[in-house]
Amino acid sequence: MVARQAAKAVRTAVAALPVDELPEVRLRPPDGSDGEFLAELHASVADDEWDGYDDPPEDQLDGASFGGGAAIVERPDGTRVGSVSWIQVPHGPNRRSLAWCIGITIHPLHRGQHLAASAQRALADDLFSRSDANRVEAETDAGNLAERHALERGGFTEDGVARGANWRRGEWHDMVIYSRLRSDRDADASPE
C-alpha cells in the first residue's frame, strides 16, 4: 500500500523547533464574527486530499459529544489563519487514562509558515494546563507529509501507524499517530 510505504519513508529527523523560533499565534473561542471565515475554511478543505470526507452530515461525529471543543487560530494582529479542535479519547477504563486528540485546519493562504506547528503546540500546552491529561495526540494520513512535519516541529513524537484506521472517500487509510506528553512540555520549560 502506498500510504504504508510513505509512512516508512518519512522517518525524517525534523526536530522540534524551539518555541521562540515558531511564529506567534493565539487561540481563542469562536464568536459570531467568525462565521464567514469558518465557512471559507471549511470550503477550502471540502475537496482536499486529506480532509475531504464525503459522508452525509448525519454520519459526522460531533466533537461536543466527546468532551471536545474548537478555537480560532490567529496571528497577534488578529488575522485569522485557521482553527483547531480537540476531543477526549480513552486509553483505559479510568479517567486518568483519558487523552486529548487534536485536529487543525490552516487556511490555504497561510500554509507553509509553521503556523500549524505553533498552533498545535499551543493547543497541547493549553490542554495540559487545564486538565490532568498526560497525553495529547494527533493523527494524520500517512501520506500527509506537511502535517507530519508540522507535528514534529511542534514537539510531537511519532508513535506508530494505525493501519486502515480512517474511512475517507470510499477507502481505508493508514494514519500516523503522534503524541506530546506532559513530561515533554515540562522538559521544554526547564532550564538547561
C-alpha atoms as a PDB file:
ATOM      1  CA  MET A   1       0.000   0.000   0.000  1.00  0.00           C
ATOM      2  CA  VAL A   2       1.376   3.421  -0.996  1.00  0.00           C
ATOM      3  CA  ALA A   3       0.409   5.074   2.315  1.00  0.00           C
ATOM      4  CA  ARG A   4       2.314   2.455   4.305  1.00  0.00           C
ATOM      5  CA  GLN A   5       5.384   2.939   2.125  1.00  0.00           C
ATOM      6  CA  ALA A   6       5.135   6.698   2.646  1.00  0.00           C
ATOM      7  CA  ALA A   7       4.890   6.151   6.409  1.00  0.00           C
ATOM      8  CA  LYS A   8       8.148   4.186   6.379  1.00  0.00           C
ATOM      9  CA  ALA A   9       9.906   6.559   4.000  1.00  0.00           C
ATOM     10  CA  VAL A  10       9.205   9.665   6.057  1.00  0.00           C
ATOM     11  CA  ARG A  11      11.176   8.817   9.184  1.00  0.00           C
ATOM     12  CA  THR A  12      12.914  12.173   8.786  1.00  0.00           C
ATOM     13  CA  ALA A  13      14.697  13.990  11.549  1.00  0.00           C
ATOM     14  CA  VAL A  14      12.579  17.123  11.565  1.00  0.00           C
ATOM     15  CA  ALA A  15      13.435  18.406  15.016  1.00  0.00           C
ATOM     16  CA  ALA A  16      11.022  20.294  17.199  1.00  0.00           C
ATOM     17  CA  LEU A  17      11.676  23.975  16.779  1.00  0.00           C
ATOM     18  CA  PRO A  18      12.267  25.928  19.966  1.00  0.00           C
ATOM     19  CA  VAL A  19       9.180  27.916  20.933  1.00  0.00           C
ATOM     20  CA  ASP A  20      10.958  31.201  20.220  1.00  0.00           C
ATOM     21  CA  GLU A  21      11.587  30.090  16.612  1.00  0.00           C
ATOM     22  CA  LEU A  22       7.929  29.327  15.916  1.00  0.00           C
ATOM     23  CA  PRO A  23       5.645  32.126  14.771  1.00  0.00           C
ATOM     24  CA  GLU A  24       3.423  33.555  17.481  1.00  0.00           C
ATOM     25  CA  VAL A  25      -0.240  32.545  17.365  1.00  0.00           C
ATOM     26  CA  ARG A  26      -3.215  32.968  19.680  1.00  0.00           C
ATOM     27  CA  LEU A  27      -6.074  30.559  20.215  1.00  0.00           C
ATOM     28  CA  ARG A  28      -9.476  31.973  21.089  1.00  0.00           C
ATOM     29  CA  PRO A  29     -13.045  30.704  21.204  1.00  0.00           C
ATOM     30  CA  PRO A  30     -15.017  31.226  18.001  1.00  0.00           C
ATOM     31  CA  ASP A  31     -17.570  34.014  18.115  1.00  0.00           C
ATOM     32  CA  GLY A  32     -20.325  35.375  15.893  1.00  0.00           C
ATOM     33  CA  SER A  33     -17.857  37.282  13.728  1.00  0.00           C
ATOM     34  CA  ASP A  34     -16.122  34.056  12.631  1.00  0.00           C
ATOM     35  CA  GLY A  35     -18.980  32.522  10.617  1.00  0.00           C
ATOM     36  CA  GLU A  36     -17.809  33.673   7.196  1.00  0.00           C
ATOM     37  CA  PHE A  37     -14.184  32.733   7.912  1.00  0.00           C
ATOM     38  CA  LEU A  38     -15.158  29.264   9.164  1.00  0.00           C
ATOM     39  CA  ALA A  39     -17.378  28.693   6.110  1.00  0.00           C
ATOM     40  CA  GLU A  40     -14.489  29.698   3.842  1.00  0.00           C
ATOM     41  CA  LEU A  41     -12.087  27.495   5.816  1.00  0.00           C
ATOM     42  CA  HIS A  42     -14.459  24.518   5.590  1.00  0.00           C
ATOM     43  CA  ALA A  43     -14.936  25.096   1.846  1.00  0.00           C
ATOM     44  CA  SER A  44     -11.157  25.249   1.343  1.00  0.00           C
ATOM     45  CA  VAL A  45     -10.778  21.640   2.525  1.00  0.00           C
ATOM     46  CA  ALA A  46     -14.061  20.156   1.300  1.00  0.00           C
ATOM     47  CA  ASP A  47     -12.302  18.538  -1.659  1.00  0.00           C
ATOM     48  CA  ASP A  48      -8.887  18.428  -0.019  1.00  0.00           C
ATOM     49  CA  GLU A  49      -6.940  15.191  -0.305  1.00  0.00           C
ATOM     50  CA  TRP A  50      -6.575  14.906   3.486  1.00  0.00           C
ATOM     51  CA  ASP A  51      -9.761  16.436   4.861  1.00  0.00           C
ATOM     52  CA  GLY A  52     -12.300  15.765   2.135  1.00  0.00           C
ATOM     53  CA  TYR A  53     -14.843  13.463   3.768  1.00  0.00           C
ATOM     54  CA  ASP A  54     -17.856  12.561   1.652  1.00  0.00           C
ATOM     55  CA  ASP A  55     -20.057  11.152   4.423  1.00  0.00           C
ATOM     56  CA  PRO A  56     -23.529  12.618   4.870  1.00  0.00           C
ATOM     57  CA  PRO A  57     -23.883  15.119   7.759  1.00  0.00           C
ATOM     58  CA  GLU A  58     -25.768  12.605   9.934  1.00  0.00           C
ATOM     59  CA  ASP A  59     -22.706  10.304   9.860  1.00  0.00           C
ATOM     60  CA  GLN A  60     -20.300  13.026  11.044  1.00  0.00           C
ATOM     61  CA  LEU A  61     -19.308  12.831  14.718  1.00  0.00           C
ATOM     62  CA  ASP A  62     -19.966  15.830  16.951  1.00  0.00           C
ATOM     63  CA  GLY A  63     -16.883  16.811  18.952  1.00  0.00           C
ATOM     64  CA  ALA A  64     -19.024  18.132  21.800  1.00  0.00           C
ATOM     65  CA  SER A  65     -20.186  14.554  22.414  1.00  0.00           C
ATOM     66  CA  PHE A  66     -16.585  13.629  23.229  1.00  0.00           C
ATOM     67  CA  GLY A  67     -15.716  16.432  25.650  1.00  0.00           C
ATOM     68  CA  GLY A  68     -14.341  18.431  22.779  1.00  0.00           C
ATOM     69  CA  GLY A  69     -14.153  21.972  21.620  1.00  0.00           C
ATOM     70  CA  ALA A  70     -12.729  24.268  18.982  1.00  0.00           C
ATOM     71  CA  ALA A  71     -10.782  27.509  18.744  1.00  0.00           C
ATOM     72  CA  ILE A  72      -9.800  30.034  16.130  1.00  0.00           C
ATOM     73  CA  VAL A  73      -6.085  30.317  15.355  1.00  0.00           C
ATOM     74  CA  GLU A  74      -4.980  33.875  14.740  1.00  0.00           C
ATOM     75  CA  ARG A  75      -1.826  35.920  14.444  1.00  0.00           C
ATOM     76  CA  PRO A  76      -1.105  38.521  17.153  1.00  0.00           C
ATOM     77  CA  ASP A  77      -2.606  41.213  14.903  1.00  0.00           C
ATOM     78  CA  GLY A  78      -5.945  39.354  14.891  1.00  0.00           C
ATOM     79  CA  THR A  79      -5.624  37.876  11.382  1.00  0.00           C
ATOM     80  CA  ARG A  80      -7.498  34.567  11.410  1.00  0.00           C
ATOM     81  CA  VAL A  81      -5.393  31.784   9.898  1.00  0.00           C
ATOM     82  CA  GLY A  82      -7.188  28.566  10.861  1.00  0.00           C
ATOM     83  CA  SER A  83      -8.958  26.545  13.503  1.00  0.00           C
ATOM     84  CA  VAL A  84      -8.112  23.782  15.945  1.00  0.00           C
ATOM     85  CA  SER A  85     -10.330  21.211  17.600  1.00  0.00           C
ATOM     86  CA  TRP A  86      -9.999  18.609  20.335  1.00  0.00           C
ATOM     87  CA  ILE A  87     -11.822  15.627  21.768  1.00  0.00           C
ATOM     88  CA  GLN A  88     -11.173  13.236  24.622  1.00  0.00           C
ATOM     89  CA  VAL A  89     -10.133   9.679  23.805  1.00  0.00           C
ATOM     90  CA  PRO A  90      -9.810   6.817  26.309  1.00  0.00           C
ATOM     91  CA  HIS A  91      -6.717   4.667  26.643  1.00  0.00           C
ATOM     92  CA  GLY A  92      -8.126   2.646  29.526  1.00  0.00           C
ATOM     93  CA  PRO A  93     -11.244   2.278  31.663  1.00  0.00           C
ATOM     94  CA  ASN A  94     -10.345   5.039  34.134  1.00  0.00           C
ATOM     95  CA  ARG A  95     -10.483   8.836  33.932  1.00  0.00           C
ATOM     96  CA  ARG A  96      -6.720   9.166  34.332  1.00  0.00           C
ATOM     97  CA  SER A  97      -6.302   7.339  31.011  1.00  0.00           C
ATOM     98  CA  LEU A  98      -8.194   9.988  29.029  1.00  0.00           C
ATOM     99  CA  ALA A  99      -6.054  11.797  26.481  1.00  0.00           C
ATOM    100  CA  TRP A 100      -6.794  14.626  24.079  1.00  0.00           C
ATOM    101  CA  CYS A 101      -6.869  14.093  20.316  1.00  0.00           C
ATOM    102  CA  ILE A 102      -6.418  17.312  18.363  1.00  0.00           C
ATOM    103  CA  GLY A 103      -7.043  18.424  14.800  1.00  0.00           C
ATOM    104  CA  ILE A 104      -6.173  21.506  12.786  1.00  0.00           C
ATOM    105  CA  THR A 105      -7.057  23.275   9.566  1.00  0.00           C
ATOM    106  CA  ILE A 106      -4.918  26.154   8.323  1.00  0.00           C
ATOM    107  CA  HIS A 107      -6.339  28.344   5.566  1.00  0.00           C
ATOM    108  CA  PRO A 108      -4.512  27.706   2.259  1.00  0.00           C
ATOM    109  CA  LEU A 109      -3.301  31.328   2.132  1.00  0.00           C
ATOM    110  CA  HIS A 110      -1.403  30.837   5.399  1.00  0.00           C
ATOM    111  CA  ARG A 111       0.148  27.403   4.933  1.00  0.00           C
ATOM    112  CA  GLY A 112       3.914  26.799   4.821  1.00  0.00           C
ATOM    113  CA  GLN A 113       4.678  29.329   7.581  1.00  0.00           C
ATOM    114  CA  HIS A 114       4.915  26.921  10.566  1.00  0.00           C
ATOM    115  CA  LEU A 115       1.593  28.222  11.926  1.00  0.00           C
ATOM    116  CA  ALA A 116       0.247  24.676  12.322  1.00  0.00           C
ATOM    117  CA  ALA A 117       3.274  23.701  14.421  1.00  0.00           C
ATOM    118  CA  SER A 118       2.764  26.767  16.637  1.00  0.00           C
ATOM    119  CA  ALA A 119      -0.975  26.261  16.983  1.00  0.00           C
ATOM    120  CA  GLN A 120      -0.743  22.539  17.772  1.00  0.00           C
ATOM    121  CA  ARG A 121       1.974  23.115  20.340  1.00  0.00           C
ATOM    122  CA  ALA A 122      -0.026  25.971  21.927  1.00  0.00           C
ATOM    123  CA  LEU A 123      -3.164  23.831  21.999  1.00  0.00           C
ATOM    124  CA  ALA A 124      -1.329  20.922  23.633  1.00  0.00           C
ATOM    125  CA  ASP A 125       0.108  23.256  26.277  1.00  0.00           C
ATOM    126  CA  ASP A 126      -3.341  24.751  26.902  1.00  0.00           C
ATOM    127  CA  LEU A 127      -4.947  21.318  27.281  1.00  0.00           C
ATOM    128  CA  PHE A 128      -2.209  20.259  29.714  1.00  0.00           C
ATOM    129  CA  SER A 129      -2.721  23.416  31.761  1.00  0.00           C
ATOM    130  CA  ARG A 130      -6.475  22.917  32.168  1.00  0.00           C
ATOM    131  CA  SER A 131      -6.641  19.158  32.633  1.00  0.00           C
ATOM    132  CA  ASP A 132      -4.671  16.386  34.279  1.00  0.00           C
ATOM    133  CA  ALA A 133      -4.243  14.518  30.990  1.00  0.00           C
ATOM    134  CA  ASN A 134      -0.796  13.084  30.421  1.00  0.00           C
ATOM    135  CA  ARG A 135      -1.110  12.836  26.632  1.00  0.00           C
ATOM    136  CA  VAL A 136      -2.164  14.976  23.677  1.00  0.00           C
ATOM    137  CA  GLU A 137      -2.215  13.112  20.388  1.00  0.00           C
ATOM    138  CA  ALA A 138      -2.862  13.818  16.744  1.00  0.00           C
ATOM    139  CA  GLU A 139      -3.362  11.537  13.792  1.00  0.00           C
ATOM    140  CA  THR A 140      -2.733  12.300  10.171  1.00  0.00           C
ATOM    141  CA  ASP A 141      -2.818  10.375   6.926  1.00  0.00           C
ATOM    142  CA  ALA A 142       0.466   8.561   6.340  1.00  0.00           C
ATOM    143  CA  GLY A 143       0.929  10.476   3.099  1.00  0.00           C
ATOM    144  CA  ASN A 144       0.287  13.940   4.568  1.00  0.00           C
ATOM    145  CA  LEU A 145       3.936  14.931   4.831  1.00  0.00           C
ATOM    146  CA  ALA A 146       3.264  18.610   5.530  1.00  0.00           C
ATOM    147  CA  GLU A 147       1.173  17.812   8.609  1.00  0.00           C
ATOM    148  CA  ARG A 148       3.620  15.181   9.781  1.00  0.00           C
ATOM    149  CA  HIS A 149       6.427  17.733   9.640  1.00  0.00           C
ATOM    150  CA  ALA A 150       4.251  20.345  11.394  1.00  0.00           C
ATOM    151  CA  LEU A 151       3.580  17.966  14.277  1.00  0.00           C
ATOM    152  CA  GLU A 152       7.280  17.154  14.610  1.00  0.00           C
ATOM    153  CA  ARG A 153       8.200  20.862  14.524  1.00  0.00           C
ATOM    154  CA  GLY A 154       5.597  21.429  17.219  1.00  0.00           C
ATOM    155  CA  GLY A 155       7.274  18.944  19.539  1.00  0.00           C
ATOM    156  CA  PHE A 156       5.144  15.852  18.884  1.00  0.00           C
ATOM    157  CA  THR A 157       6.738  12.411  18.593  1.00  0.00           C
ATOM    158  CA  GLU A 158       5.682   9.770  16.087  1.00  0.00           C
ATOM    159  CA  ASP A 159       4.232   6.781  17.935  1.00  0.00           C
ATOM    160  CA  GLY A 160       3.385   4.494  15.034  1.00  0.00           C
ATOM    161  CA  VAL A 161       0.886   3.684  12.308  1.00  0.00           C
ATOM    162  CA  ALA A 162      -2.752   2.753  12.828  1.00  0.00           C
ATOM    163  CA  ARG A 163      -3.347   0.631   9.745  1.00  0.00           C
ATOM    164  CA  GLY A 164      -6.646   1.099   7.946  1.00  0.00           C
ATOM    165  CA  ALA A 165      -7.988   3.398  10.677  1.00  0.00           C
ATOM    166  CA  ASN A 166      -9.593   6.205   8.655  1.00  0.00           C
ATOM    167  CA  TRP A 167     -12.509   5.793   6.241  1.00  0.00           C
ATOM    168  CA  ARG A 168     -12.340   8.561   3.657  1.00  0.00           C
ATOM    169  CA  ARG A 169     -13.620   8.804   0.107  1.00  0.00           C
ATOM    170  CA  GLY A 170     -14.640   5.183  -0.138  1.00  0.00           C
ATOM    171  CA  GLU A 171     -11.480   3.521   1.151  1.00  0.00           C
ATOM    172  CA  TRP A 172      -9.482   2.865   4.308  1.00  0.00           C
ATOM    173  CA  HIS A 173      -6.374   4.945   5.013  1.00  0.00           C
ATOM    174  CA  ASP A 174      -3.414   4.352   7.319  1.00  0.00           C
ATOM    175  CA  MET A 175      -2.970   7.044   9.971  1.00  0.00           C
ATOM    176  CA  VAL A 176       0.288   8.015  11.655  1.00  0.00           C
ATOM    177  CA  ILE A 177      -0.152   8.730  15.363  1.00  0.00           C
ATOM    178  CA  TYR A 178       1.831  11.466  17.103  1.00  0.00           C
ATOM    179  CA  SER A 179       1.866  12.451  20.767  1.00  0.00           C
ATOM    180  CA  ARG A 180       3.126  15.080  23.135  1.00  0.00           C
ATOM    181  CA  LEU A 181       3.322  14.064  26.788  1.00  0.00           C
ATOM    182  CA  ARG A 182       3.109  16.276  29.831  1.00  0.00           C
ATOM    183  CA  SER A 183       6.758  15.406  30.561  1.00  0.00           C
ATOM    184  CA  ASP A 184       7.714  16.692  27.077  1.00  0.00           C
ATOM    185  CA  ARG A 185       6.185  20.056  27.940  1.00  0.00           C
ATOM    186  CA  ASP A 186       7.841  20.088  31.348  1.00  0.00           C
ATOM    187  CA  ALA A 187      11.222  19.209  29.791  1.00  0.00           C
ATOM    188  CA  ASP A 188      10.829  22.086  27.309  1.00  0.00           C
ATOM    189  CA  ALA A 189      10.117  24.502  30.175  1.00  0.00           C
ATOM    190  CA  SER A 190      13.059  23.509  32.381  1.00  0.00           C
ATOM    191  CA  PRO A 191      16.296  25.488  32.061  1.00  0.00           C
ATOM    192  CA  GLU A 192      19.276  23.633  30.656  1.00  0.00           C
END
